[in-house]
Amino acid sequence: RYSIQNPHAYVDSNLVGFVNILEACRHHDVEHLVYASTSSVYGANTRMPFSVHDNVDHPLSLYAATKKANELMAHTYSHLYGLPTTGLRFFTVYGPWGRPDMALFLFTRT
């Protein structure tokens, strides 16, 4: 996976990029930040269906760890600066930038 071979790309975009967004929201009086998280934060959780109350403290990839860190930073900015935030934990995302190893892309190629 790309995140294993290029960890700085994920740190730069998901951590540095996200704190830049939080800072811009704070300084420009954004009323509510809605941001993309990921279902990957659930890690090895086997309980179905997933719940926002499930433990997400054990990510299995650097990507998941950076997205969990985004959730924590958003929570902190909400607490410190009164910036309401909502993170959406997307599952399979479809589109031109989707991962080619996802089931949907594999099925449509056969």
PDB file of N, CA and C in Angstrom:
ATOM      1  N   ARG A   1       0.821  -1.195   0.000  1.00  0.00           N
ATOM      2  CA  ARG A   1       0.000   0.000   0.000  1.00  0.00           C
ATOM      3  C   ARG A   1       0.858   1.248   0.000  1.00  0.00           C
ATOM      4  N   TYR A   2       0.316   2.265  -0.583  1.00  0.00           N
ATOM      5  CA  TYR A   2       1.027   3.530  -0.739  1.00  0.00           C
ATOM      6  C   TYR A   2       1.433   4.123   0.604  1.00  0.00           C
ATOM      7  N   SER A   3       0.562   4.011   1.618  1.00  0.00           N
ATOM      8  CA  SER A   3       0.871   4.629   2.916  1.00  0.00           C
ATOM      9  C   SER A   3       2.058   3.971   3.607  1.00  0.00           C
ATOM     10  N   ILE A   4       2.314   2.721   3.306  1.00  0.00           N
ATOM     11  CA  ILE A   4       3.450   2.023   3.919  1.00  0.00           C
ATOM     12  C   ILE A   4       4.755   2.496   3.290  1.00  0.00           C
ATOM     13  N   GLN A   5       4.741   2.694   1.977  1.00  0.00           N
ATOM     14  CA  GLN A   5       5.952   3.122   1.285  1.00  0.00           C
ATOM     15  C   GLN A   5       6.157   4.631   1.292  1.00  0.00           C
ATOM     16  N   ASN A   6       5.100   5.386   1.534  1.00  0.00           N
ATOM     17  CA  ASN A   6       5.172   6.850   1.497  1.00  0.00           C
ATOM     18  C   ASN A   6       4.480   7.473   2.707  1.00  0.00           C
ATOM     19  N   PRO A   7       4.958   7.187   3.909  1.00  0.00           N
ATOM     20  CA  PRO A   7       4.255   7.681   5.104  1.00  0.00           C
ATOM     21  C   PRO A   7       4.169   9.198   5.175  1.00  0.00           C
ATOM     22  N   HIS A   8       5.178   9.891   4.674  1.00  0.00           N
ATOM     23  CA  HIS A   8       5.163  11.358   4.754  1.00  0.00           C
ATOM     24  C   HIS A   8       4.030  11.963   3.928  1.00  0.00           C
ATOM     25  N   ALA A   9       3.640  11.301   2.867  1.00  0.00           N
ATOM     26  CA  ALA A   9       2.527  11.806   2.056  1.00  0.00           C
ATOM     27  C   ALA A   9       1.249  11.852   2.879  1.00  0.00           C
ATOM     28  N   TYR A  10       1.036  10.841   3.715  1.00  0.00           N
ATOM     29  CA  TYR A  10      -0.168  10.802   4.548  1.00  0.00           C
ATOM     30  C   TYR A  10      -0.066  11.764   5.717  1.00  0.00           C
ATOM     31  N   VAL A  11       1.097  11.864   6.298  1.00  0.00           N
ATOM     32  CA  VAL A  11       1.288  12.817   7.396  1.00  0.00           C
ATOM     33  C   VAL A  11       1.097  14.241   6.880  1.00  0.00           C
ATOM     34  N   ASP A  12       1.688  14.549   5.740  1.00  0.00           N
ATOM     35  CA  ASP A  12       1.573  15.903   5.180  1.00  0.00           C
ATOM     36  C   ASP A  12       0.134  16.258   4.832  1.00  0.00           C
ATOM     37  N   SER A  13      -0.552  15.374   4.139  1.00  0.00           N
ATOM     38  CA  SER A  13      -1.909  15.726   3.706  1.00  0.00           C
ATOM     39  C   SER A  13      -2.936  15.550   4.809  1.00  0.00           C
ATOM     40  N   ASN A  14      -2.879  14.448   5.533  1.00  0.00           N
ATOM     41  CA  ASN A  14      -3.922  14.175   6.519  1.00  0.00           C
ATOM     42  C   ASN A  14      -3.715  14.872   7.851  1.00  0.00           C
ATOM     43  N   LEU A  15      -2.501  15.107   8.267  1.00  0.00           N
ATOM     44  CA  LEU A  15      -2.274  15.782   9.551  1.00  0.00           C
ATOM     45  C   LEU A  15      -1.988  17.263   9.361  1.00  0.00           C
ATOM     46  N   VAL A  16      -0.952  17.585   8.615  1.00  0.00           N
ATOM     47  CA  VAL A  16      -0.607  18.997   8.402  1.00  0.00           C
ATOM     48  C   VAL A  16      -1.736  19.694   7.643  1.00  0.00           C
ATOM     49  N   GLY A  17      -2.232  19.056   6.606  1.00  0.00           N
ATOM     50  CA  GLY A  17      -3.325  19.645   5.840  1.00  0.00           C
ATOM     51  C   GLY A  17      -4.564  19.874   6.682  1.00  0.00           C
ATOM     52  N   PHE A  18      -4.891  18.913   7.542  1.00  0.00           N
ATOM     53  CA  PHE A  18      -6.101  19.045   8.354  1.00  0.00           C
ATOM     54  C   PHE A  18      -5.958  20.129   9.417  1.00  0.00           C
ATOM     55  N   VAL A  19      -4.802  20.244  10.035  1.00  0.00           N
ATOM     56  CA  VAL A  19      -4.635  21.320  11.021  1.00  0.00           C
ATOM     57  C   VAL A  19      -4.676  22.676  10.320  1.00  0.00           C
ATOM     58  N   ASN A  20      -4.218  22.756   9.081  1.00  0.00           N
ATOM     59  CA  ASN A  20      -4.352  24.001   8.314  1.00  0.00           C
ATOM     60  C   ASN A  20      -5.826  24.348   8.097  1.00  0.00           C
ATOM     61  N   ILE A  21      -6.634  23.344   7.804  1.00  0.00           N
ATOM     62  CA  ILE A  21      -8.074  23.566   7.644  1.00  0.00           C
ATOM     63  C   ILE A  21      -8.691  24.023   8.959  1.00  0.00           C
ATOM     64  N   LEU A  22      -8.336  23.362  10.060  1.00  0.00           N
ATOM     65  CA  LEU A  22      -8.866  23.756  11.370  1.00  0.00           C
ATOM     66  C   LEU A  22      -8.493  25.194  11.710  1.00  0.00           C
ATOM     67  N   GLU A  23      -7.257  25.557  11.450  1.00  0.00           N
ATOM     68  CA  GLU A  23      -6.810  26.926  11.730  1.00  0.00           C
ATOM     69  C   GLU A  23      -7.547  27.941  10.856  1.00  0.00           C
ATOM     70  N   ALA A  24      -7.736  27.612   9.586  1.00  0.00           N
ATOM     71  CA  ALA A  24      -8.473  28.520   8.700  1.00  0.00           C
ATOM     72  C   ALA A  24      -9.910  28.691   9.184  1.00  0.00           C
ATOM     73  N   CYS A  25     -10.534  27.600   9.607  1.00  0.00           N
ATOM     74  CA  CYS A  25     -11.903  27.678  10.129  1.00  0.00           C
ATOM     75  C   CYS A  25     -11.961  28.544  11.380  1.00  0.00           C
ATOM     76  N   ARG A  26     -10.997  28.370  12.252  1.00  0.00           N
ATOM     77  CA  ARG A  26     -10.958  29.130  13.503  1.00  0.00           C
ATOM     78  C   ARG A  26     -10.802  30.620  13.238  1.00  0.00           C
ATOM     79  N   HIS A  27      -9.962  30.980  12.310  1.00  0.00           N
ATOM     80  CA  HIS A  27      -9.667  32.390  12.057  1.00  0.00           C
ATOM     81  C   HIS A  27     -10.665  33.076  11.119  1.00  0.00           C
ATOM     82  N   HIS A  28     -11.529  32.295  10.495  1.00  0.00           N
ATOM     83  CA  HIS A  28     -12.490  32.879   9.556  1.00  0.00           C
ATOM     84  C   HIS A  28     -13.936  32.617   9.975  1.00  0.00           C
ATOM     85  N   ASP A  29     -14.149  32.361  11.244  1.00  0.00           N
ATOM     86  CA  ASP A  29     -15.492  32.223  11.818  1.00  0.00           C
ATOM     87  C   ASP A  29     -16.397  31.253  11.057  1.00  0.00           C
ATOM     88  N   VAL A  30     -15.857  30.099  10.724  1.00  0.00           N
ATOM     89  CA  VAL A  30     -16.671  29.057  10.092  1.00  0.00           C
ATOM     90  C   VAL A  30     -17.677  28.556  11.126  1.00  0.00           C
ATOM     91  N   GLU A  31     -18.923  28.420  10.721  1.00  0.00           N
ATOM     92  CA  GLU A  31     -19.976  28.036  11.660  1.00  0.00           C
ATOM     93  C   GLU A  31     -19.930  26.565  12.037  1.00  0.00           C
ATOM     94  N   HIS A  32     -19.554  25.697  11.092  1.00  0.00           N
ATOM     95  CA  HIS A  32     -19.544  24.257  11.365  1.00  0.00           C
ATOM     96  C   HIS A  32     -18.671  23.587  10.310  1.00  0.00           C
ATOM     97  N   LEU A  33     -17.712  22.803  10.758  1.00  0.00           N
ATOM     98  CA  LEU A  33     -16.831  22.075   9.842  1.00  0.00           C
ATOM     99  C   LEU A  33     -17.308  20.633   9.719  1.00  0.00           C
ATOM    100  N   VAL A  34     -17.597  20.217   8.504  1.00  0.00           N
ATOM    101  CA  VAL A  34     -17.905  18.820   8.205  1.00  0.00           C
ATOM    102  C   VAL A  34     -16.720  18.290   7.409  1.00  0.00           C
ATOM    103  N   TYR A  35     -16.122  17.195   7.882  1.00  0.00           N
ATOM    104  CA  TYR A  35     -14.907  16.686   7.248  1.00  0.00           C
ATOM    105  C   TYR A  35     -15.006  15.180   7.035  1.00  0.00           C
ATOM    106  N   ALA A  36     -14.158  14.672   6.160  1.00  0.00           N
ATOM    107  CA  ALA A  36     -14.141  13.251   5.824  1.00  0.00           C
ATOM    108  C   ALA A  36     -13.196  12.498   6.740  1.00  0.00           C
ATOM    109  N   SER A  37     -13.746  11.485   7.406  1.00  0.00           N
ATOM    110  CA  SER A  37     -12.923  10.516   8.115  1.00  0.00           C
ATOM    111  C   SER A  37     -13.016   9.224   7.299  1.00  0.00           C
ATOM    112  N   THR A  38     -12.899   8.082   7.941  1.00  0.00           N
ATOM    113  CA  THR A  38     -12.921   6.823   7.201  1.00  0.00           C
ATOM    114  C   THR A  38     -13.372   5.680   8.090  1.00  0.00           C
ATOM    115  N   SER A  39     -13.954   4.672   7.485  1.00  0.00           N
ATOM    116  CA  SER A  39     -14.310   3.458   8.227  1.00  0.00           C
ATOM    117  C   SER A  39     -13.063   2.718   8.692  1.00  0.00           C
ATOM    118  N   SER A  40     -11.914   3.036   8.128  1.00  0.00           N
ATOM    119  CA  SER A  40     -10.662   2.382   8.531  1.00  0.00           C
ATOM    120  C   SER A  40     -10.329   2.618   9.996  1.00  0.00           C
ATOM    121  N   VAL A  41     -10.906   3.654  10.608  1.00  0.00           N
ATOM    122  CA  VAL A  41     -10.620   3.897  12.026  1.00  0.00           C
ATOM    123  C   VAL A  41     -11.153   2.772  12.904  1.00  0.00           C
ATOM    124  N   TYR A  42     -12.088   1.951  12.403  1.00  0.00           N
ATOM    125  CA  TYR A  42     -12.617   0.835  13.190  1.00  0.00           C
ATOM    126  C   TYR A  42     -11.604  -0.293  13.339  1.00  0.00           C
ATOM    127  N   GLY A  43     -10.539  -0.277  12.555  1.00  0.00           N
ATOM    128  CA  GLY A  43      -9.462  -1.251  12.702  1.00  0.00           C
ATOM    129  C   GLY A  43      -9.947  -2.679  12.577  1.00  0.00           C
ATOM    130  N   ALA A  44      -9.571  -3.509  13.543  1.00  0.00           N
ATOM    131  CA  ALA A  44      -9.909  -4.931  13.513  1.00  0.00           C
ATOM    132  C   ALA A  44     -11.229  -5.228  14.213  1.00  0.00           C
ATOM    133  N   ASN A  45     -12.032  -4.223  14.433  1.00  0.00           N
ATOM    134  CA  ASN A  45     -13.322  -4.411  15.090  1.00  0.00           C
ATOM    135  C   ASN A  45     -14.143  -5.432  14.309  1.00  0.00           C
ATOM    136  N   THR A  46     -14.660  -6.445  14.996  1.00  0.00           N
ATOM    137  CA  THR A  46     -15.439  -7.484  14.323  1.00  0.00           C
ATOM    138  C   THR A  46     -16.932  -7.371  14.611  1.00  0.00           C
ATOM    139  N   ARG A  47     -17.302  -6.483  15.502  1.00  0.00           N
ATOM    140  CA  ARG A  47     -18.716  -6.325  15.847  1.00  0.00           C
ATOM    141  C   ARG A  47     -19.443  -5.625  14.702  1.00  0.00           C
ATOM    142  N   MET A  48     -20.565  -6.178  14.303  1.00  0.00           N
ATOM    143  CA  MET A  48     -21.363  -5.601  13.220  1.00  0.00           C
ATOM    144  C   MET A  48     -22.765  -5.320  13.735  1.00  0.00           C
ATOM    145  N   PRO A  49     -23.404  -4.287  13.306  1.00  0.00           N
ATOM    146  CA  PRO A  49     -22.824  -3.224  12.498  1.00  0.00           C
ATOM    147  C   PRO A  49     -21.911  -2.351  13.342  1.00  0.00           C
ATOM    148  N   PHE A  50     -21.029  -1.626  12.671  1.00  0.00           N
ATOM    149  CA  PHE A  50     -20.161  -0.691  13.382  1.00  0.00           C
ATOM    150  C   PHE A  50     -21.014   0.379  14.044  1.00  0.00           C
ATOM    151  N   SER A  51     -20.488   0.931  15.110  1.00  0.00           N
ATOM    152  CA  SER A  51     -21.184   1.990  15.839  1.00  0.00           C
ATOM    153  C   SER A  51     -20.198   3.100  16.167  1.00  0.00           C
ATOM    154  N   VAL A  52     -20.699   4.325  16.251  1.00  0.00           N
ATOM    155  CA  VAL A  52     -19.836   5.436  16.657  1.00  0.00           C
ATOM    156  C   VAL A  52     -19.339   5.241  18.083  1.00  0.00           C
ATOM    157  N   HIS A  53     -19.946   4.317  18.813  1.00  0.00           N
ATOM    158  CA  HIS A  53     -19.538   4.049  20.190  1.00  0.00           C
ATOM    159  C   HIS A  53     -18.463   2.965  20.283  1.00  0.00           C
ATOM    160  N   ASP A  54     -18.128   2.322  19.168  1.00  0.00           N
ATOM    161  CA  ASP A  54     -17.093   1.286  19.164  1.00  0.00           C
ATOM    162  C   ASP A  54     -15.724   1.888  19.446  1.00  0.00           C
ATOM    163  N   ASN A  55     -14.860   1.083  20.044  1.00  0.00           N
ATOM    164  CA  ASN A  55     -13.481   1.489  20.315  1.00  0.00           C
ATOM    165  C   ASN A  55     -12.740   1.628  18.983  1.00  0.00           C
ATOM    166  N   VAL A  56     -12.119   2.778  18.791  1.00  0.00           N
ATOM    167  CA  VAL A  56     -11.346   3.015  17.559  1.00  0.00           C
ATOM    168  C   VAL A  56      -9.921   3.445  17.909  1.00  0.00           C
ATOM    169  N   ASP A  57      -9.394   2.875  18.975  1.00  0.00           N
ATOM    170  CA  ASP A  57      -8.068   3.255  19.459  1.00  0.00           C
ATOM    171  C   ASP A  57      -6.942   2.369  18.947  1.00  0.00           C
ATOM    172  N   HIS A  58      -7.234   1.461  18.026  1.00  0.00           N
ATOM    173  CA  HIS A  58      -6.201   0.546  17.532  1.00  0.00           C
ATOM    174  C   HIS A  58      -6.226   0.465  16.009  1.00  0.00           C
ATOM    175  N   PRO A  59      -5.816   1.544  15.336  1.00  0.00           N
ATOM    176  CA  PRO A  59      -5.820   1.516  13.866  1.00  0.00           C
ATOM    177  C   PRO A  59      -4.825   0.488  13.335  1.00  0.00           C
ATOM    178  N   LEU A  60      -5.137  -0.059  12.170  1.00  0.00           N
ATOM    179  CA  LEU A  60      -4.284  -1.089  11.567  1.00  0.00           C
ATOM    180  C   LEU A  60      -3.439  -0.572  10.413  1.00  0.00           C
ATOM    181  N   SER A  61      -3.529   0.715  10.129  1.00  0.00           N
ATOM    182  CA  SER A  61      -2.728   1.294   9.051  1.00  0.00           C
ATOM    183  C   SER A  61      -2.370   2.728   9.423  1.00  0.00           C
ATOM    184  N   LEU A  62      -1.335   3.236   8.782  1.00  0.00           N
ATOM    185  CA  LEU A  62      -0.960   4.631   9.005  1.00  0.00           C
ATOM    186  C   LEU A  62      -2.085   5.553   8.553  1.00  0.00           C
ATOM    187  N   TYR A  63      -2.723   5.219   7.448  1.00  0.00           N
ATOM    188  CA  TYR A  63      -3.852   6.012   6.963  1.00  0.00           C
ATOM    189  C   TYR A  63      -4.926   6.121   8.043  1.00  0.00           C
ATOM    190  N   ALA A  64      -5.317   4.990   8.627  1.00  0.00           N
ATOM    191  CA  ALA A  64      -6.342   4.996   9.675  1.00  0.00           C
ATOM    192  C   ALA A  64      -5.884   5.800  10.886  1.00  0.00           C
ATOM    193  N   ALA A  65      -4.615   5.690  11.233  1.00  0.00           N
ATOM    194  CA  ALA A  65      -4.090   6.448  12.380  1.00  0.00           C
ATOM    195  C   ALA A  65      -4.163   7.945  12.126  1.00  0.00           C
ATOM    196  N   THR A  66      -3.864   8.378  10.892  1.00  0.00           N
ATOM    197  CA  THR A  66      -3.932   9.813  10.606  1.00  0.00           C
ATOM    198  C   THR A  66      -5.369  10.306  10.618  1.00  0.00           C
ATOM    199  N   LYS A  67      -6.298   9.483  10.152  1.00  0.00           N
ATOM    200  CA  LYS A  67      -7.701   9.897  10.153  1.00  0.00           C
ATOM    201  C   LYS A  67      -8.263   9.913  11.579  1.00  0.00           C
ATOM    202  N   LYS A  68      -7.838   8.973  12.422  1.00  0.00           N
ATOM    203  CA  LYS A  68      -8.237   9.011  13.832  1.00  0.00           C
ATOM    204  C   LYS A  68      -7.664  10.262  14.491  1.00  0.00           C
ATOM    205  N   ALA A  69      -6.434  10.603  14.163  1.00  0.00           N
ATOM    206  CA  ALA A  69      -5.828  11.829  14.693  1.00  0.00           C
ATOM    207  C   ALA A  69      -6.631  13.052  14.254  1.00  0.00           C
ATOM    208  N   ASN A  70      -7.145  13.051  13.023  1.00  0.00           N
ATOM    209  CA  ASN A  70      -8.015  14.146  12.563  1.00  0.00           C
ATOM    210  C   ASN A  70      -9.235  14.266  13.457  1.00  0.00           C
ATOM    211  N   GLU A  71      -9.844  13.144  13.784  1.00  0.00           N
ATOM    212  CA  GLU A  71     -11.023  13.166  14.646  1.00  0.00           C
ATOM    213  C   GLU A  71     -10.684  13.755  16.013  1.00  0.00           C
ATOM    214  N   LEU A  72      -9.532  13.381  16.545  1.00  0.00           N
ATOM    215  CA  LEU A  72      -9.115  13.907  17.849  1.00  0.00           C
ATOM    216  C   LEU A  72      -8.811  15.400  17.774  1.00  0.00           C
ATOM    217  N   MET A  73      -8.155  15.830  16.706  1.00  0.00           N
ATOM    218  CA  MET A  73      -7.865  17.262  16.550  1.00  0.00           C
ATOM    219  C   MET A  73      -9.158  18.057  16.395  1.00  0.00           C
ATOM    220  N   ALA A  74     -10.112  17.537  15.637  1.00  0.00           N
ATOM    221  CA  ALA A  74     -11.393  18.226  15.468  1.00  0.00           C
ATOM    222  C   ALA A  74     -12.100  18.357  16.809  1.00  0.00           C
ATOM    223  N   HIS A  75     -12.091  17.298  17.594  1.00  0.00           N
ATOM    224  CA  HIS A  75     -12.704  17.340  18.925  1.00  0.00           C
ATOM    225  C   HIS A  75     -12.025  18.395  19.800  1.00  0.00           C
ATOM    226  N   THR A  76     -10.711  18.451  19.740  1.00  0.00           N
ATOM    227  CA  THR A  76      -9.956  19.412  20.542  1.00  0.00           C
ATOM    228  C   THR A  76     -10.259  20.846  20.116  1.00  0.00           C
ATOM    229  N   TYR A  77     -10.296  21.105  18.818  1.00  0.00           N
ATOM    230  CA  TYR A  77     -10.630  22.453  18.336  1.00  0.00           C
ATOM    231  C   TYR A  77     -12.050  22.837  18.737  1.00  0.00           C
ATOM    232  N   SER A  78     -12.935  21.871  18.724  1.00  0.00           N
ATOM    233  CA  SER A  78     -14.303  22.138  19.149  1.00  0.00           C
ATOM    234  C   SER A  78     -14.325  22.558  20.615  1.00  0.00           C
ATOM    235  N   HIS A  79     -13.569  21.852  21.427  1.00  0.00           N
ATOM    236  CA  HIS A  79     -13.497  22.158  22.862  1.00  0.00           C
ATOM    237  C   HIS A  79     -12.797  23.492  23.127  1.00  0.00           C
ATOM    238  N   LEU A  80     -11.657  23.710  22.491  1.00  0.00           N
ATOM    239  CA  LEU A  80     -10.859  24.909  22.773  1.00  0.00           C
ATOM    240  C   LEU A  80     -11.438  26.185  22.175  1.00  0.00           C
ATOM    241  N   TYR A  81     -11.989  26.077  20.963  1.00  0.00           N
ATOM    242  CA  TYR A  81     -12.367  27.279  20.225  1.00  0.00           C
ATOM    243  C   TYR A  81     -13.857  27.367  19.902  1.00  0.00           C
ATOM    244  N   GLY A  82     -14.625  26.388  20.356  1.00  0.00           N
ATOM    245  CA  GLY A  82     -16.058  26.416  20.084  1.00  0.00           C
ATOM    246  C   GLY A  82     -16.404  26.196  18.623  1.00  0.00           C
ATOM    247  N   LEU A  83     -15.538  25.509  17.894  1.00  0.00           N
ATOM    248  CA  LEU A  83     -15.773  25.217  16.477  1.00  0.00           C
ATOM    249  C   LEU A  83     -16.526  23.892  16.365  1.00  0.00           C
ATOM    250  N   PRO A  84     -17.810  23.926  16.029  1.00  0.00           N
ATOM    251  CA  PRO A  84     -18.536  22.664  15.862  1.00  0.00           C
ATOM    252  C   PRO A  84     -17.961  21.872  14.685  1.00  0.00           C
ATOM    253  N   THR A  85     -17.769  20.583  14.887  1.00  0.00           N
ATOM    254  CA  THR A  85     -17.221  19.724  13.838  1.00  0.00           C
ATOM    255  C   THR A  85     -18.024  18.438  13.750  1.00  0.00           C
ATOM    256  N   THR A  86     -18.104  17.905  12.553  1.00  0.00           N
ATOM    257  CA  THR A  86     -18.733  16.611  12.319  1.00  0.00           C
ATOM    258  C   THR A  86     -17.855  15.837  11.355  1.00  0.00           C
ATOM    259  N   GLY A  87     -17.406  14.660  11.784  1.00  0.00           N
ATOM    260  CA  GLY A  87     -16.610  13.793  10.922  1.00  0.00           C
ATOM    261  C   GLY A  87     -17.480  12.687  10.357  1.00  0.00           C
ATOM    262  N   LEU A  88     -17.398  12.476   9.067  1.00  0.00           N
ATOM    263  CA  LEU A  88     -18.161  11.425   8.399  1.00  0.00           C
ATOM    264  C   LEU A  88     -17.225  10.269   8.086  1.00  0.00           C
ATOM    265  N   ARG A  89     -17.527   9.097   8.640  1.00  0.00           N
ATOM    266  CA  ARG A  89     -16.693   7.908   8.433  1.00  0.00           C
ATOM    267  C   ARG A  89     -17.177   7.163   7.194  1.00  0.00           C
ATOM    268  N   PHE A  90     -16.638   7.558   6.056  1.00  0.00           N
ATOM    269  CA  PHE A  90     -17.033   6.937   4.795  1.00  0.00           C
ATOM    270  C   PHE A  90     -16.503   5.513   4.705  1.00  0.00           C
ATOM    271  N   PHE A  91     -17.255   4.672   4.032  1.00  0.00           N
ATOM    272  CA  PHE A  91     -16.823   3.311   3.765  1.00  0.00           C
ATOM    273  C   PHE A  91     -16.291   3.289   2.334  1.00  0.00           C
ATOM    274  N   THR A  92     -16.763   2.451   1.463  1.00  0.00           N
ATOM    275  CA  THR A  92     -16.242   2.403   0.106  1.00  0.00           C
ATOM    276  C   THR A  92     -16.637   3.671  -0.647  1.00  0.00           C
ATOM    277  N   VAL A  93     -15.649   4.385  -1.119  1.00  0.00           N
ATOM    278  CA  VAL A  93     -15.900   5.614  -1.867  1.00  0.00           C
ATOM    279  C   VAL A  93     -15.734   5.307  -3.349  1.00  0.00           C
ATOM    280  N   TYR A  94     -16.731   5.669  -4.116  1.00  0.00           N
ATOM    281  CA  TYR A  94     -16.712   5.411  -5.549  1.00  0.00           C
ATOM    282  C   TYR A  94     -16.350   6.681  -6.305  1.00  0.00           C
ATOM    283  N   GLY A  95     -15.535   6.551  -7.311  1.00  0.00           N
ATOM    284  CA  GLY A  95     -15.196   7.696  -8.146  1.00  0.00           C
ATOM    285  C   GLY A  95     -13.838   7.510  -8.785  1.00  0.00           C
ATOM    286  N   PRO A  96     -13.409   8.491  -9.556  1.00  0.00           N
ATOM    287  CA  PRO A  96     -12.158   8.351 -10.299  1.00  0.00           C
ATOM    288  C   PRO A  96     -10.927   8.221  -9.406  1.00  0.00           C
ATOM    289  N   TRP A  97     -11.002   8.662  -8.164  1.00  0.00           N
ATOM    290  CA  TRP A  97      -9.848   8.571  -7.274  1.00  0.00           C
ATOM    291  C   TRP A  97      -9.978   7.406  -6.292  1.00  0.00           C
ATOM    292  N   GLY A  98     -10.953   6.522  -6.520  1.00  0.00           N
ATOM    293  CA  GLY A  98     -11.128   5.360  -5.650  1.00  0.00           C
ATOM    294  C   GLY A  98      -9.970   4.384  -5.786  1.00  0.00           C
ATOM    295  N   ARG A  99      -9.772   3.591  -4.739  1.00  0.00           N
ATOM    296  CA  ARG A  99      -8.691   2.596  -4.774  1.00  0.00           C
ATOM    297  C   ARG A  99      -9.032   1.488  -5.763  1.00  0.00           C
ATOM    298  N   PRO A 100      -8.127   1.134  -6.661  1.00  0.00           N
ATOM    299  CA  PRO A 100      -8.420   0.124  -7.680  1.00  0.00           C
ATOM    300  C   PRO A 100      -8.571  -1.285  -7.116  1.00  0.00           C
ATOM    301  N   ASP A 101      -8.157  -1.528  -5.859  1.00  0.00           N
ATOM    302  CA  ASP A 101      -8.283  -2.860  -5.279  1.00  0.00           C
ATOM    303  C   ASP A 101      -9.600  -3.048  -4.528  1.00  0.00           C
ATOM    304  N   MET A 102     -10.485  -2.071  -4.549  1.00  0.00           N
ATOM    305  CA  MET A 102     -11.767  -2.192  -3.868  1.00  0.00           C
ATOM    306  C   MET A 102     -12.691  -3.100  -4.676  1.00  0.00           C
ATOM    307  N   ALA A 103     -13.593  -3.800  -3.977  1.00  0.00           N
ATOM    308  CA  ALA A 103     -14.452  -4.807  -4.602  1.00  0.00           C
ATOM    309  C   ALA A 103     -15.234  -4.264  -5.790  1.00  0.00           C
ATOM    310  N   LEU A 104     -15.792  -3.088  -5.659  1.00  0.00           N
ATOM    311  CA  LEU A 104     -16.600  -2.538  -6.745  1.00  0.00           C
ATOM    312  C   LEU A 104     -15.805  -2.459  -8.045  1.00  0.00           C
ATOM    313  N   PHE A 105     -14.577  -1.997  -7.968  1.00  0.00           N
ATOM    314  CA  PHE A 105     -13.753  -1.885  -9.167  1.00  0.00           C
ATOM    315  C   PHE A 105     -13.358  -3.266  -9.696  1.00  0.00           C
ATOM    316  N   LEU A 106     -13.112  -4.210  -8.796  1.00  0.00           N
ATOM    317  CA  LEU A 106     -12.758  -5.563  -9.222  1.00  0.00           C
ATOM    318  C   LEU A 106     -13.930  -6.230  -9.934  1.00  0.00           C
ATOM    319  N   PHE A 107     -15.150  -6.050  -9.410  1.00  0.00           N
ATOM    320  CA  PHE A 107     -16.327  -6.666 -10.017  1.00  0.00           C
ATOM    321  C   PHE A 107     -16.652  -6.056 -11.373  1.00  0.00           C
ATOM    322  N   THR A 108     -16.476  -4.772 -11.516  1.00  0.00           N
ATOM    323  CA  THR A 108     -16.841  -4.123 -12.775  1.00  0.00           C
ATOM    324  C   THR A 108     -15.836  -4.402 -13.886  1.00  0.00           C
ATOM    325  N   ARG A 109     -14.652  -4.860 -13.531  1.00  0.00           N
ATOM    326  CA  ARG A 109     -13.641  -5.179 -14.545  1.00  0.00           C
ATOM    327  C   ARG A 109     -13.788  -6.586 -15.093  1.00  0.00           C
ATOM    328  N   THR A 110     -14.539  -7.448 -14.409  1.00  0.00           N
ATOM    329  CA  THR A 110     -14.655  -8.846 -14.861  1.00  0.00           C
ATOM    330  C   THR A 110     -15.789  -9.055 -15.821  1.00  0.00           C
TER     331      THR A 110
END
